[in-house]
Amino acid sequence: MHEMSIIESLLDAVRAELVKYPGAQVTVVRVRVGALRLVVPDVMESCYAAATLGTPLEGSRLELEAVAATARCPQCQREFAVQEQWFECPKCQAVGGELLTGQELDLMNIELEETGAVATA
């Protein structure tokens, strides 16, 4: 289950950012995840809950934004949706191409609560 190692790295990044905001409480962590990253959203959320249990991040929630995979054909330059790592252009049947989206794994923002005010890091 590689989701736990992803969550552990994510939490390291969140903790590093929190140093800038002493006394702040994390309420939401937002992450963009590409379709080709091969992660299961429910497993990611369960791993997040387990990894934050008993920590200052306990009670915060993980919000995942799914990013569809798209590619550009190397021959006809058409952009198209892809479902897996191997793909071909639906117009000219050229194999492969430039993957435009679908591999993302980005910490987008952290929502913080400070003495009743909400700030976004």
PDB file of N, CA and C in Angstrom:
ATOM      1  N   MET A   1       0.856  -1.176   0.000  1.00  0.00           N
ATOM      2  CA  MET A   1       0.000   0.000   0.000  1.00  0.00           C
ATOM      3  C   MET A   1       0.898   1.234   0.000  1.00  0.00           C
ATOM      4  N   HIS A   2       1.135   1.791  -1.175  1.00  0.00           N
ATOM      5  CA  HIS A   2       2.000   2.964  -1.286  1.00  0.00           C
ATOM      6  C   HIS A   2       1.304   4.244  -0.855  1.00  0.00           C
ATOM      7  N   GLU A   3       0.004   4.190  -0.647  1.00  0.00           N
ATOM      8  CA  GLU A   3      -0.720   5.374  -0.190  1.00  0.00           C
ATOM      9  C   GLU A   3      -0.184   5.882   1.149  1.00  0.00           C
ATOM     10  N   MET A   4       0.201   4.969   2.056  1.00  0.00           N
ATOM     11  CA  MET A   4       0.701   5.408   3.356  1.00  0.00           C
ATOM     12  C   MET A   4       2.004   6.177   3.211  1.00  0.00           C
ATOM     13  N   SER A   5       2.901   5.738   2.346  1.00  0.00           N
ATOM     14  CA  SER A   5       4.150   6.475   2.164  1.00  0.00           C
ATOM     15  C   SER A   5       3.887   7.842   1.530  1.00  0.00           C
ATOM     16  N   ILE A   6       2.904   7.924   0.653  1.00  0.00           N
ATOM     17  CA  ILE A   6       2.519   9.213   0.073  1.00  0.00           C
ATOM     18  C   ILE A   6       1.992  10.135   1.168  1.00  0.00           C
ATOM     19  N   ILE A   7       1.145   9.606   2.027  1.00  0.00           N
ATOM     20  CA  ILE A   7       0.580  10.402   3.119  1.00  0.00           C
ATOM     21  C   ILE A   7       1.679  10.858   4.073  1.00  0.00           C
ATOM     22  N   GLU A   8       2.615   9.993   4.389  1.00  0.00           N
ATOM     23  CA  GLU A   8       3.705  10.380   5.292  1.00  0.00           C
ATOM     24  C   GLU A   8       4.518  11.532   4.703  1.00  0.00           C
ATOM     25  N   SER A   9       4.808  11.495   3.417  1.00  0.00           N
ATOM     26  CA  SER A   9       5.523  12.590   2.758  1.00  0.00           C
ATOM     27  C   SER A   9       4.682  13.864   2.749  1.00  0.00           C
ATOM     28  N   LEU A  10       3.399  13.719   2.498  1.00  0.00           N
ATOM     29  CA  LEU A  10       2.486  14.851   2.517  1.00  0.00           C
ATOM     30  C   LEU A  10       2.460  15.510   3.894  1.00  0.00           C
ATOM     31  N   LEU A  11       2.380  14.694   4.935  1.00  0.00           N
ATOM     32  CA  LEU A  11       2.345  15.235   6.296  1.00  0.00           C
ATOM     33  C   LEU A  11       3.658  15.917   6.666  1.00  0.00           C
ATOM     34  N   ASP A  12       4.775  15.428   6.164  1.00  0.00           N
ATOM     35  CA  ASP A  12       6.056  16.107   6.373  1.00  0.00           C
ATOM     36  C   ASP A  12       5.997  17.518   5.792  1.00  0.00           C
ATOM     37  N   ALA A  13       5.441  17.645   4.591  1.00  0.00           N
ATOM     38  CA  ALA A  13       5.320  18.954   3.948  1.00  0.00           C
ATOM     39  C   ALA A  13       4.369  19.865   4.726  1.00  0.00           C
ATOM     40  N   VAL A  14       3.273  19.318   5.218  1.00  0.00           N
ATOM     41  CA  VAL A  14       2.315  20.101   6.004  1.00  0.00           C
ATOM     42  C   VAL A  14       2.976  20.594   7.288  1.00  0.00           C
ATOM     43  N   ARG A  15       3.686  19.719   7.986  1.00  0.00           N
ATOM     44  CA  ARG A  15       4.356  20.115   9.237  1.00  0.00           C
ATOM     45  C   ARG A  15       5.406  21.191   8.980  1.00  0.00           C
ATOM     46  N   ALA A  16       6.139  21.075   7.888  1.00  0.00           N
ATOM     47  CA  ALA A  16       7.150  22.079   7.543  1.00  0.00           C
ATOM     48  C   ALA A  16       6.488  23.438   7.307  1.00  0.00           C
ATOM     49  N   GLU A  17       5.342  23.450   6.673  1.00  0.00           N
ATOM     50  CA  GLU A  17       4.623  24.698   6.422  1.00  0.00           C
ATOM     51  C   GLU A  17       4.050  25.284   7.712  1.00  0.00           C
ATOM     52  N   LEU A  18       3.622  24.424   8.621  1.00  0.00           N
ATOM     53  CA  LEU A  18       3.021  24.887   9.882  1.00  0.00           C
ATOM     54  C   LEU A  18       3.997  25.654  10.765  1.00  0.00           C
ATOM     55  N   VAL A  19       5.279  25.429  10.589  1.00  0.00           N
ATOM     56  CA  VAL A  19       6.289  26.147  11.375  1.00  0.00           C
ATOM     57  C   VAL A  19       6.122  27.655  11.196  1.00  0.00           C
ATOM     58  N   LYS A  20       5.641  28.072  10.034  1.00  0.00           N
ATOM     59  CA  LYS A  20       5.441  29.492   9.741  1.00  0.00           C
ATOM     60  C   LYS A  20       4.227  30.081  10.444  1.00  0.00           C
ATOM     61  N   TYR A  21       3.371  29.227  10.995  1.00  0.00           N
ATOM     62  CA  TYR A  21       2.113  29.665  11.590  1.00  0.00           C
ATOM     63  C   TYR A  21       1.953  29.095  12.998  1.00  0.00           C
ATOM     64  N   PRO A  22       2.765  29.563  13.944  1.00  0.00           N
ATOM     65  CA  PRO A  22       2.681  29.018  15.316  1.00  0.00           C
ATOM     66  C   PRO A  22       1.269  29.188  15.898  1.00  0.00           C
ATOM     67  N   GLY A  23       0.792  28.152  16.522  1.00  0.00           N
ATOM     68  CA  GLY A  23      -0.528  28.199  17.156  1.00  0.00           C
ATOM     69  C   GLY A  23      -1.682  27.912  16.221  1.00  0.00           C
ATOM     70  N   ALA A  24      -1.427  27.772  14.937  1.00  0.00           N
ATOM     71  CA  ALA A  24      -2.501  27.507  13.980  1.00  0.00           C
ATOM     72  C   ALA A  24      -2.892  26.035  14.014  1.00  0.00           C
ATOM     73  N   GLN A  25      -4.139  25.784  13.721  1.00  0.00           N
ATOM     74  CA  GLN A  25      -4.671  24.419  13.662  1.00  0.00           C
ATOM     75  C   GLN A  25      -5.065  24.115  12.226  1.00  0.00           C
ATOM     76  N   VAL A  26      -4.601  22.997  11.711  1.00  0.00           N
ATOM     77  CA  VAL A  26      -4.954  22.581  10.347  1.00  0.00           C
ATOM     78  C   VAL A  26      -6.378  22.053  10.355  1.00  0.00           C
ATOM     79  N   THR A  27      -7.186  22.538   9.405  1.00  0.00           N
ATOM     80  CA  THR A  27      -8.551  22.027   9.269  1.00  0.00           C
ATOM     81  C   THR A  27      -8.708  21.179   8.002  1.00  0.00           C
ATOM     82  N   VAL A  28      -8.048  21.616   6.899  1.00  0.00           N
ATOM     83  CA  VAL A  28      -8.177  20.904   5.622  1.00  0.00           C
ATOM     84  C   VAL A  28      -6.827  20.904   4.913  1.00  0.00           C
ATOM     85  N   VAL A  29      -6.493  19.762   4.313  1.00  0.00           N
ATOM     86  CA  VAL A  29      -5.320  19.638   3.448  1.00  0.00           C
ATOM     87  C   VAL A  29      -5.848  19.229   2.077  1.00  0.00           C
ATOM     88  N   ARG A  30      -5.555  20.068   1.060  1.00  0.00           N
ATOM     89  CA  ARG A  30      -6.047  19.804  -0.293  1.00  0.00           C
ATOM     90  C   ARG A  30      -4.909  19.337  -1.194  1.00  0.00           C
ATOM     91  N   VAL A  31      -5.186  18.244  -1.912  1.00  0.00           N
ATOM     92  CA  VAL A  31      -4.176  17.614  -2.762  1.00  0.00           C
ATOM     93  C   VAL A  31      -4.792  17.286  -4.117  1.00  0.00           C
ATOM     94  N   ARG A  32      -4.047  17.561  -5.187  1.00  0.00           N
ATOM     95  CA  ARG A  32      -4.440  17.158  -6.549  1.00  0.00           C
ATOM     96  C   ARG A  32      -3.752  15.837  -6.858  1.00  0.00           C
ATOM     97  N   VAL A  33      -4.539  14.879  -7.350  1.00  0.00           N
ATOM     98  CA  VAL A  33      -4.011  13.555  -7.654  1.00  0.00           C
ATOM     99  C   VAL A  33      -4.392  13.169  -9.083  1.00  0.00           C
ATOM    100  N   GLY A  34      -3.381  12.909  -9.898  1.00  0.00           N
ATOM    101  CA  GLY A  34      -3.610  12.499 -11.274  1.00  0.00           C
ATOM    102  C   GLY A  34      -4.138  11.081 -11.362  1.00  0.00           C
ATOM    103  N   ALA A  35      -4.960  10.835 -12.375  1.00  0.00           N
ATOM    104  CA  ALA A  35      -5.592   9.526 -12.569  1.00  0.00           C
ATOM    105  C   ALA A  35      -4.577   8.403 -12.758  1.00  0.00           C
ATOM    106  N   LEU A  36      -3.398   8.726 -13.291  1.00  0.00           N
ATOM    107  CA  LEU A  36      -2.400   7.683 -13.542  1.00  0.00           C
ATOM    108  C   LEU A  36      -1.479   7.454 -12.347  1.00  0.00           C
ATOM    109  N   ARG A  37      -1.718   8.106 -11.242  1.00  0.00           N
ATOM    110  CA  ARG A  37      -0.912   7.924 -10.030  1.00  0.00           C
ATOM    111  C   ARG A  37      -1.203   6.593  -9.345  1.00  0.00           C
ATOM    112  N   LEU A  38      -2.283   5.958  -9.735  1.00  0.00           N
ATOM    113  CA  LEU A  38      -2.663   4.639  -9.210  1.00  0.00           C
ATOM    114  C   LEU A  38      -2.837   4.630  -7.698  1.00  0.00           C
ATOM    115  N   VAL A  39      -3.505   5.652  -7.192  1.00  0.00           N
ATOM    116  CA  VAL A  39      -3.861   5.668  -5.779  1.00  0.00           C
ATOM    117  C   VAL A  39      -5.376   5.535  -5.654  1.00  0.00           C
ATOM    118  N   VAL A  40      -5.793   4.957  -4.555  1.00  0.00           N
ATOM    119  CA  VAL A  40      -7.213   4.764  -4.289  1.00  0.00           C
ATOM    120  C   VAL A  40      -7.632   5.839  -3.289  1.00  0.00           C
ATOM    121  N   PRO A  41      -8.533   6.747  -3.694  1.00  0.00           N
ATOM    122  CA  PRO A  41      -8.909   7.852  -2.811  1.00  0.00           C
ATOM    123  C   PRO A  41      -9.357   7.423  -1.410  1.00  0.00           C
ATOM    124  N   ASP A  42     -10.186   6.395  -1.308  1.00  0.00           N
ATOM    125  CA  ASP A  42     -10.647   5.943   0.012  1.00  0.00           C
ATOM    126  C   ASP A  42      -9.478   5.466   0.877  1.00  0.00           C
ATOM    127  N   VAL A  43      -8.513   4.810   0.259  1.00  0.00           N
ATOM    128  CA  VAL A  43      -7.344   4.333   0.995  1.00  0.00           C
ATOM    129  C   VAL A  43      -6.500   5.528   1.440  1.00  0.00           C
ATOM    130  N   MET A  44      -6.351   6.520   0.559  1.00  0.00           N
ATOM    131  CA  MET A  44      -5.603   7.732   0.925  1.00  0.00           C
ATOM    132  C   MET A  44      -6.244   8.403   2.141  1.00  0.00           C
ATOM    133  N   GLU A  45      -7.554   8.528   2.125  1.00  0.00           N
ATOM    134  CA  GLU A  45      -8.262   9.173   3.230  1.00  0.00           C
ATOM    135  C   GLU A  45      -8.129   8.368   4.522  1.00  0.00           C
ATOM    136  N   SER A  46      -8.201   7.045   4.425  1.00  0.00           N
ATOM    137  CA  SER A  46      -8.025   6.196   5.607  1.00  0.00           C
ATOM    138  C   SER A  46      -6.609   6.296   6.159  1.00  0.00           C
ATOM    139  N   CYS A  47      -5.630   6.313   5.269  1.00  0.00           N
ATOM    140  CA  CYS A  47      -4.234   6.454   5.689  1.00  0.00           C
ATOM    141  C   CYS A  47      -4.011   7.804   6.358  1.00  0.00           C
ATOM    142  N   TYR A  48      -4.618   8.846   5.809  1.00  0.00           N
ATOM    143  CA  TYR A  48      -4.491  10.185   6.400  1.00  0.00           C
ATOM    144  C   TYR A  48      -5.067  10.185   7.822  1.00  0.00           C
ATOM    145  N   ALA A  49      -6.248   9.632   7.976  1.00  0.00           N
ATOM    146  CA  ALA A  49      -6.876   9.584   9.297  1.00  0.00           C
ATOM    147  C   ALA A  49      -6.011   8.803  10.283  1.00  0.00           C
ATOM    148  N   ALA A  50      -5.463   7.684   9.844  1.00  0.00           N
ATOM    149  CA  ALA A  50      -4.621   6.861  10.717  1.00  0.00           C
ATOM    150  C   ALA A  50      -3.317   7.578  11.065  1.00  0.00           C
ATOM    151  N   ALA A  51      -2.702   8.231  10.079  1.00  0.00           N
ATOM    152  CA  ALA A  51      -1.407   8.881  10.296  1.00  0.00           C
ATOM    153  C   ALA A  51      -1.517  10.135  11.159  1.00  0.00           C
ATOM    154  N   THR A  52      -2.682  10.762  11.188  1.00  0.00           N
ATOM    155  CA  THR A  52      -2.853  11.980  11.994  1.00  0.00           C
ATOM    156  C   THR A  52      -3.403  11.696  13.388  1.00  0.00           C
ATOM    157  N   LEU A  53      -3.830  10.478  13.630  1.00  0.00           N
ATOM    158  CA  LEU A  53      -4.383  10.100  14.935  1.00  0.00           C
ATOM    159  C   LEU A  53      -3.359  10.362  16.039  1.00  0.00           C
ATOM    160  N   GLY A  54      -3.764  11.097  17.061  1.00  0.00           N
ATOM    161  CA  GLY A  54      -2.881  11.386  18.189  1.00  0.00           C
ATOM    162  C   GLY A  54      -1.836  12.456  17.907  1.00  0.00           C
ATOM    163  N   THR A  55      -1.991  13.174  16.787  1.00  0.00           N
ATOM    164  CA  THR A  55      -1.053  14.247  16.442  1.00  0.00           C
ATOM    165  C   THR A  55      -1.809  15.577  16.423  1.00  0.00           C
ATOM    166  N   PRO A  56      -1.102  16.695  16.328  1.00  0.00           N
ATOM    167  CA  PRO A  56      -1.794  17.982  16.213  1.00  0.00           C
ATOM    168  C   PRO A  56      -2.667  18.092  14.959  1.00  0.00           C
ATOM    169  N   LEU A  57      -2.476  17.216  13.985  1.00  0.00           N
ATOM    170  CA  LEU A  57      -3.287  17.234  12.766  1.00  0.00           C
ATOM    171  C   LEU A  57      -4.559  16.398  12.879  1.00  0.00           C
ATOM    172  N   GLU A  58      -4.711  15.703  13.997  1.00  0.00           N
ATOM    173  CA  GLU A  58      -5.921  14.888  14.187  1.00  0.00           C
ATOM    174  C   GLU A  58      -7.152  15.780  14.094  1.00  0.00           C
ATOM    175  N   GLY A  59      -8.156  15.295  13.381  1.00  0.00           N
ATOM    176  CA  GLY A  59      -9.390  16.052  13.205  1.00  0.00           C
ATOM    177  C   GLY A  59      -9.416  16.857  11.916  1.00  0.00           C
ATOM    178  N   SER A  60      -8.266  17.064  11.313  1.00  0.00           N
ATOM    179  CA  SER A  60      -8.253  17.746  10.015  1.00  0.00           C
ATOM    180  C   SER A  60      -8.702  16.739   8.961  1.00  0.00           C
ATOM    181  N   ARG A  61      -9.049  17.250   7.797  1.00  0.00           N
ATOM    182  CA  ARG A  61      -9.486  16.329   6.753  1.00  0.00           C
ATOM    183  C   ARG A  61      -8.680  16.528   5.478  1.00  0.00           C
ATOM    184  N   LEU A  62      -8.582  15.470   4.734  1.00  0.00           N
ATOM    185  CA  LEU A  62      -7.884  15.453   3.457  1.00  0.00           C
ATOM    186  C   LEU A  62      -8.923  15.581   2.352  1.00  0.00           C
ATOM    187  N   GLU A  63      -8.724  16.557   1.468  1.00  0.00           N
ATOM    188  CA  GLU A  63      -9.593  16.705   0.306  1.00  0.00           C
ATOM    189  C   GLU A  63      -8.763  16.424  -0.935  1.00  0.00           C
ATOM    190  N   LEU A  64      -9.232  15.485  -1.738  1.00  0.00           N
ATOM    191  CA  LEU A  64      -8.523  15.096  -2.952  1.00  0.00           C
ATOM    192  C   LEU A  64      -9.255  15.616  -4.176  1.00  0.00           C
ATOM    193  N   GLU A  65      -8.495  16.214  -5.082  1.00  0.00           N
ATOM    194  CA  GLU A  65      -9.031  16.667  -6.360  1.00  0.00           C
ATOM    195  C   GLU A  65      -8.462  15.753  -7.439  1.00  0.00           C
ATOM    196  N   ALA A  66      -9.336  15.029  -8.104  1.00  0.00           N
ATOM    197  CA  ALA A  66      -8.904  14.114  -9.158  1.00  0.00           C
ATOM    198  C   ALA A  66      -8.609  14.887 -10.441  1.00  0.00           C
ATOM    199  N   VAL A  67      -7.511  14.520 -11.086  1.00  0.00           N
ATOM    200  CA  VAL A  67      -7.120  15.142 -12.353  1.00  0.00           C
ATOM    201  C   VAL A  67      -7.120  14.058 -13.434  1.00  0.00           C
ATOM    202  N   ALA A  68      -7.931  14.251 -14.450  1.00  0.00           N
ATOM    203  CA  ALA A  68      -8.006  13.287 -15.546  1.00  0.00           C
ATOM    204  C   ALA A  68      -6.695  13.285 -16.327  1.00  0.00           C
ATOM    205  N   ALA A  69      -6.397  12.162 -16.923  1.00  0.00           N
ATOM    206  CA  ALA A  69      -5.182  12.035 -17.729  1.00  0.00           C
ATOM    207  C   ALA A  69      -5.467  12.441 -19.173  1.00  0.00           C
ATOM    208  N   THR A  70      -4.586  13.276 -19.717  1.00  0.00           N
ATOM    209  CA  THR A  70      -4.689  13.694 -21.111  1.00  0.00           C
ATOM    210  C   THR A  70      -3.314  13.635 -21.756  1.00  0.00           C
ATOM    211  N   ALA A  71      -3.315  13.484 -23.063  1.00  0.00           N
ATOM    212  CA  ALA A  71      -2.058  13.421 -23.819  1.00  0.00           C
ATOM    213  C   ALA A  71      -2.212  14.189 -25.123  1.00  0.00           C
ATOM    214  N   ARG A  72      -1.067  14.459 -25.768  1.00  0.00           N
ATOM    215  CA  ARG A  72      -1.042  15.100 -27.082  1.00  0.00           C
ATOM    216  C   ARG A  72      -0.341  14.163 -28.058  1.00  0.00           C
ATOM    217  N   CYS A  73      -0.979  13.952 -29.193  1.00  0.00           N
ATOM    218  CA  CYS A  73      -0.426  13.077 -30.222  1.00  0.00           C
ATOM    219  C   CYS A  73       0.836  13.696 -30.823  1.00  0.00           C
ATOM    220  N   PRO A  74       1.893  12.886 -30.998  1.00  0.00           N
ATOM    221  CA  PRO A  74       3.126  13.418 -31.569  1.00  0.00           C
ATOM    222  C   PRO A  74       3.021  13.689 -33.084  1.00  0.00           C
ATOM    223  N   GLN A  75       2.004  13.112 -33.722  1.00  0.00           N
ATOM    224  CA  GLN A  75       1.881  13.288 -35.174  1.00  0.00           C
ATOM    225  C   GLN A  75       0.854  14.347 -35.552  1.00  0.00           C
ATOM    226  N   CYS A  76      -0.363  14.214 -35.054  1.00  0.00           N
ATOM    227  CA  CYS A  76      -1.423  15.147 -35.468  1.00  0.00           C
ATOM    228  C   CYS A  76      -1.685  16.251 -34.443  1.00  0.00           C
ATOM    229  N   GLN A  77      -1.014  16.184 -33.287  1.00  0.00           N
ATOM    230  CA  GLN A  77      -1.113  17.203 -32.227  1.00  0.00           C
ATOM    231  C   GLN A  77      -2.480  17.261 -31.534  1.00  0.00           C
ATOM    232  N   ARG A  78      -3.327  16.283 -31.775  1.00  0.00           N
ATOM    233  CA  ARG A  78      -4.629  16.246 -31.105  1.00  0.00           C
ATOM    234  C   ARG A  78      -4.431  15.937 -29.628  1.00  0.00           C
ATOM    235  N   GLU A  79      -5.199  16.598 -28.770  1.00  0.00           N
ATOM    236  CA  GLU A  79      -5.205  16.281 -27.342  1.00  0.00           C
ATOM    237  C   GLU A  79      -6.374  15.352 -27.076  1.00  0.00           C
ATOM    238  N   PHE A  80      -6.127  14.326 -26.230  1.00  0.00           N
ATOM    239  CA  PHE A  80      -7.162  13.338 -25.972  1.00  0.00           C
ATOM    240  C   PHE A  80      -7.008  12.751 -24.576  1.00  0.00           C
ATOM    241  N   ALA A  81      -8.109  12.192 -24.070  1.00  0.00           N
ATOM    242  CA  ALA A  81      -8.121  11.552 -22.752  1.00  0.00           C
ATOM    243  C   ALA A  81      -7.448  10.186 -22.844  1.00  0.00           C
ATOM    244  N   VAL A  82      -6.733   9.816 -21.789  1.00  0.00           N
ATOM    245  CA  VAL A  82      -6.113   8.492 -21.730  1.00  0.00           C
ATOM    246  C   VAL A  82      -6.553   7.797 -20.446  1.00  0.00           C
ATOM    247  N   GLN A  83      -6.573   6.480 -20.499  1.00  0.00           N
ATOM    248  CA  GLN A  83      -7.022   5.698 -19.355  1.00  0.00           C
ATOM    249  C   GLN A  83      -5.891   4.935 -18.678  1.00  0.00           C
ATOM    250  N   GLU A  84      -4.766   4.762 -19.369  1.00  0.00           N
ATOM    251  CA  GLU A  84      -3.651   3.997 -18.817  1.00  0.00           C
ATOM    252  C   GLU A  84      -2.342   4.524 -19.391  1.00  0.00           C
ATOM    253  N   GLN A  85      -1.240   4.006 -18.901  1.00  0.00           N
ATOM    254  CA  GLN A  85       0.080   4.496 -19.294  1.00  0.00           C
ATOM    255  C   GLN A  85       0.362   4.316 -20.791  1.00  0.00           C
ATOM    256  N   TRP A  86      -0.146   3.260 -21.392  1.00  0.00           N
ATOM    257  CA  TRP A  86       0.033   3.022 -22.820  1.00  0.00           C
ATOM    258  C   TRP A  86      -1.194   3.572 -23.523  1.00  0.00           C
ATOM    259  N   PHE A  87      -0.991   4.391 -24.571  1.00  0.00           N
ATOM    260  CA  PHE A  87      -2.148   4.978 -25.244  1.00  0.00           C
ATOM    261  C   PHE A  87      -1.835   5.245 -26.712  1.00  0.00           C
ATOM    262  N   GLU A  88      -2.919   5.381 -27.484  1.00  0.00           N
ATOM    263  CA  GLU A  88      -2.767   5.739 -28.893  1.00  0.00           C
ATOM    264  C   GLU A  88      -3.791   6.806 -29.242  1.00  0.00           C
ATOM    265  N   CYS A  89      -3.451   7.604 -30.225  1.00  0.00           N
ATOM    266  CA  CYS A  89      -4.312   8.702 -30.658  1.00  0.00           C
ATOM    267  C   CYS A  89      -5.599   8.162 -31.269  1.00  0.00           C
ATOM    268  N   PRO A  90      -6.752   8.645 -30.832  1.00  0.00           N
ATOM    269  CA  PRO A  90      -8.009   8.163 -31.400  1.00  0.00           C
ATOM    270  C   PRO A  90      -8.246   8.666 -32.833  1.00  0.00           C
ATOM    271  N   LYS A  91      -7.494   9.678 -33.257  1.00  0.00           N
ATOM    272  CA  LYS A  91      -7.674  10.223 -34.605  1.00  0.00           C
ATOM    273  C   LYS A  91      -6.781   9.517 -35.632  1.00  0.00           C
ATOM    274  N   CYS A  92      -5.454   9.450 -35.348  1.00  0.00           N
ATOM    275  CA  CYS A  92      -4.526   8.897 -36.355  1.00  0.00           C
ATOM    276  C   CYS A  92      -3.883   7.578 -35.917  1.00  0.00           C
ATOM    277  N   GLN A  93      -4.206   7.096 -34.726  1.00  0.00           N
ATOM    278  CA  GLN A  93      -3.714   5.835 -34.169  1.00  0.00           C
ATOM    279  C   GLN A  93      -2.206   5.813 -33.899  1.00  0.00           C
ATOM    280  N   ALA A  94      -1.562   6.971 -33.851  1.00  0.00           N
ATOM    281  CA  ALA A  94      -0.150   7.025 -33.463  1.00  0.00           C
ATOM    282  C   ALA A  94      -0.038   6.590 -32.007  1.00  0.00           C
ATOM    283  N   VAL A  95       0.972   5.811 -31.700  1.00  0.00           N
ATOM    284  CA  VAL A  95       1.165   5.295 -30.342  1.00  0.00           C
ATOM    285  C   VAL A  95       2.018   6.277 -29.545  1.00  0.00           C
ATOM    286  N   GLY A  96       1.611   6.462 -28.284  1.00  0.00           N
ATOM    287  CA  GLY A  96       2.374   7.318 -27.387  1.00  0.00           C
ATOM    288  C   GLY A  96       2.043   8.778 -27.570  1.00  0.00           C
ATOM    289  N   GLY A  97       2.953   9.607 -27.154  1.00  0.00           N
ATOM    290  CA  GLY A  97       2.744  11.043 -27.223  1.00  0.00           C
ATOM    291  C   GLY A  97       3.170  11.692 -25.930  1.00  0.00           C
ATOM    292  N   GLU A  98       2.865  12.943 -25.821  1.00  0.00           N
ATOM    293  CA  GLU A  98       3.232  13.722 -24.640  1.00  0.00           C
ATOM    294  C   GLU A  98       2.102  13.659 -23.620  1.00  0.00           C
ATOM    295  N   LEU A  99       2.393  13.151 -22.446  1.00  0.00           N
ATOM    296  CA  LEU A  99       1.403  13.124 -21.371  1.00  0.00           C
ATOM    297  C   LEU A  99       1.291  14.528 -20.803  1.00  0.00           C
ATOM    298  N   LEU A 100       0.100  15.113 -20.862  1.00  0.00           N
ATOM    299  CA  LEU A 100      -0.115  16.490 -20.409  1.00  0.00           C
ATOM    300  C   LEU A 100      -0.559  16.557 -18.954  1.00  0.00           C
ATOM    301  N   THR A 101      -1.459  15.685 -18.581  1.00  0.00           N
ATOM    302  CA  THR A 101      -1.963  15.632 -17.199  1.00  0.00           C
ATOM    303  C   THR A 101      -2.180  14.183 -16.807  1.00  0.00           C
ATOM    304  N   GLY A 102      -2.272  13.949 -15.516  1.00  0.00           N
ATOM    305  CA  GLY A 102      -2.570  12.607 -15.026  1.00  0.00           C
ATOM    306  C   GLY A 102      -1.534  12.048 -14.079  1.00  0.00           C
ATOM    307  N   GLN A 103      -0.366  12.700 -13.966  1.00  0.00           N
ATOM    308  CA  GLN A 103       0.677  12.241 -13.050  1.00  0.00           C
ATOM    309  C   GLN A 103       0.807  13.145 -11.812  1.00  0.00           C
ATOM    310  N   GLU A 104      -0.070  14.108 -11.667  1.00  0.00           N
ATOM    311  CA  GLU A 104       0.027  15.061 -10.566  1.00  0.00           C
ATOM    312  C   GLU A 104      -0.078  14.385  -9.200  1.00  0.00           C
ATOM    313  N   LEU A 105       0.650  14.935  -8.278  1.00  0.00           N
ATOM    314  CA  LEU A 105       0.505  14.625  -6.858  1.00  0.00           C
ATOM    315  C   LEU A 105       1.016  15.879  -6.151  1.00  0.00           C
ATOM    316  N   ASP A 106       0.119  16.852  -6.022  1.00  0.00           N
ATOM    317  CA  ASP A 106       0.497  18.185  -5.573  1.00  0.00           C
ATOM    318  C   ASP A 106      -0.279  18.606  -4.333  1.00  0.00           C
ATOM    319  N   LEU A 107       0.451  19.090  -3.348  1.00  0.00           N
ATOM    320  CA  LEU A 107      -0.167  19.728  -2.190  1.00  0.00           C
ATOM    321  C   LEU A 107      -0.611  21.103  -2.661  1.00  0.00           C
ATOM    322  N   MET A 108      -1.896  21.336  -2.734  1.00  0.00           N
ATOM    323  CA  MET A 108      -2.420  22.590  -3.275  1.00  0.00           C
ATOM    324  C   MET A 108      -2.497  23.678  -2.202  1.00  0.00           C
ATOM    325  N   ASN A 109      -3.096  23.355  -1.072  1.00  0.00           N
ATOM    326  CA  ASN A 109      -3.140  24.320   0.017  1.00  0.00           C
ATOM    327  C   ASN A 109      -3.513  23.649   1.325  1.00  0.00           C
ATOM    328  N   ILE A 110      -3.280  24.396   2.363  1.00  0.00           N
ATOM    329  CA  ILE A 110      -3.578  23.938   3.724  1.00  0.00           C
ATOM    330  C   ILE A 110      -4.477  24.998   4.337  1.00  0.00           C
ATOM    331  N   GLU A 111      -5.617  24.593   4.794  1.00  0.00           N
ATOM    332  CA  GLU A 111      -6.516  25.542   5.449  1.00  0.00           C
ATOM    333  C   GLU A 111      -6.227  25.507   6.942  1.00  0.00           C
ATOM    334  N   LEU A 112      -6.006  26.689   7.487  1.00  0.00           N
ATOM    335  CA  LEU A 112      -5.643  26.822   8.904  1.00  0.00           C
ATOM    336  C   LEU A 112      -6.713  27.609   9.646  1.00  0.00           C
ATOM    337  N   GLU A 113      -6.790  27.325  10.918  1.00  0.00           N
ATOM    338  CA  GLU A 113      -7.689  28.076  11.785  1.00  0.00           C
ATOM    339  C   GLU A 113      -6.847  28.673  12.899  1.00  0.00           C
ATOM    340  N   GLU A 114      -6.930  30.002  13.043  1.00  0.00           N
ATOM    341  CA  GLU A 114      -6.198  30.684  14.111  1.00  0.00           C
ATOM    342  C   GLU A 114      -7.183  31.520  14.893  1.00  0.00           C
ATOM    343  N   THR A 115      -7.375  31.204  16.150  1.00  0.00           N
ATOM    344  CA  THR A 115      -8.259  31.939  17.055  1.00  0.00           C
ATOM    345  C   THR A 115      -9.544  32.412  16.374  1.00  0.00           C
ATOM    346  N   GLY A 116     -10.222  31.488  15.710  1.00  0.00           N
ATOM    347  CA  GLY A 116     -11.502  31.785  15.078  1.00  0.00           C
ATOM    348  C   GLY A 116     -11.390  32.308  13.658  1.00  0.00           C
ATOM    349  N   ALA A 117     -10.209  32.727  13.206  1.00  0.00           N
ATOM    350  CA  ALA A 117     -10.020  33.207  11.835  1.00  0.00           C
ATOM    351  C   ALA A 117      -9.504  32.069  10.974  1.00  0.00           C
ATOM    352  N   VAL A 118      -9.855  32.087   9.730  1.00  0.00           N
ATOM    353  CA  VAL A 118      -9.386  31.071   8.816  1.00  0.00           C
ATOM    354  C   VAL A 118      -8.380  31.691   7.860  1.00  0.00           C
ATOM    355  N   ALA A 119      -7.229  31.054   7.732  1.00  0.00           N
ATOM    356  CA  ALA A 119      -6.191  31.504   6.793  1.00  0.00           C
ATOM    357  C   ALA A 119      -5.840  30.346   5.887  1.00  0.00           C
ATOM    358  N   THR A 120      -5.383  30.656   4.707  1.00  0.00           N
ATOM    359  CA  THR A 120      -4.964  29.606   3.780  1.00  0.00           C
ATOM    360  C   THR A 120      -3.470  29.736   3.545  1.00  0.00           C
ATOM    361  N   ALA A 121      -2.779  28.616   3.737  1.00  0.00           N
ATOM    362  CA  ALA A 121      -1.324  28.615   3.514  1.00  0.00           C
ATOM    363  C   ALA A 121      -1.033  28.013   2.176  1.00  0.00           C
TER     364      ALA A 121
END
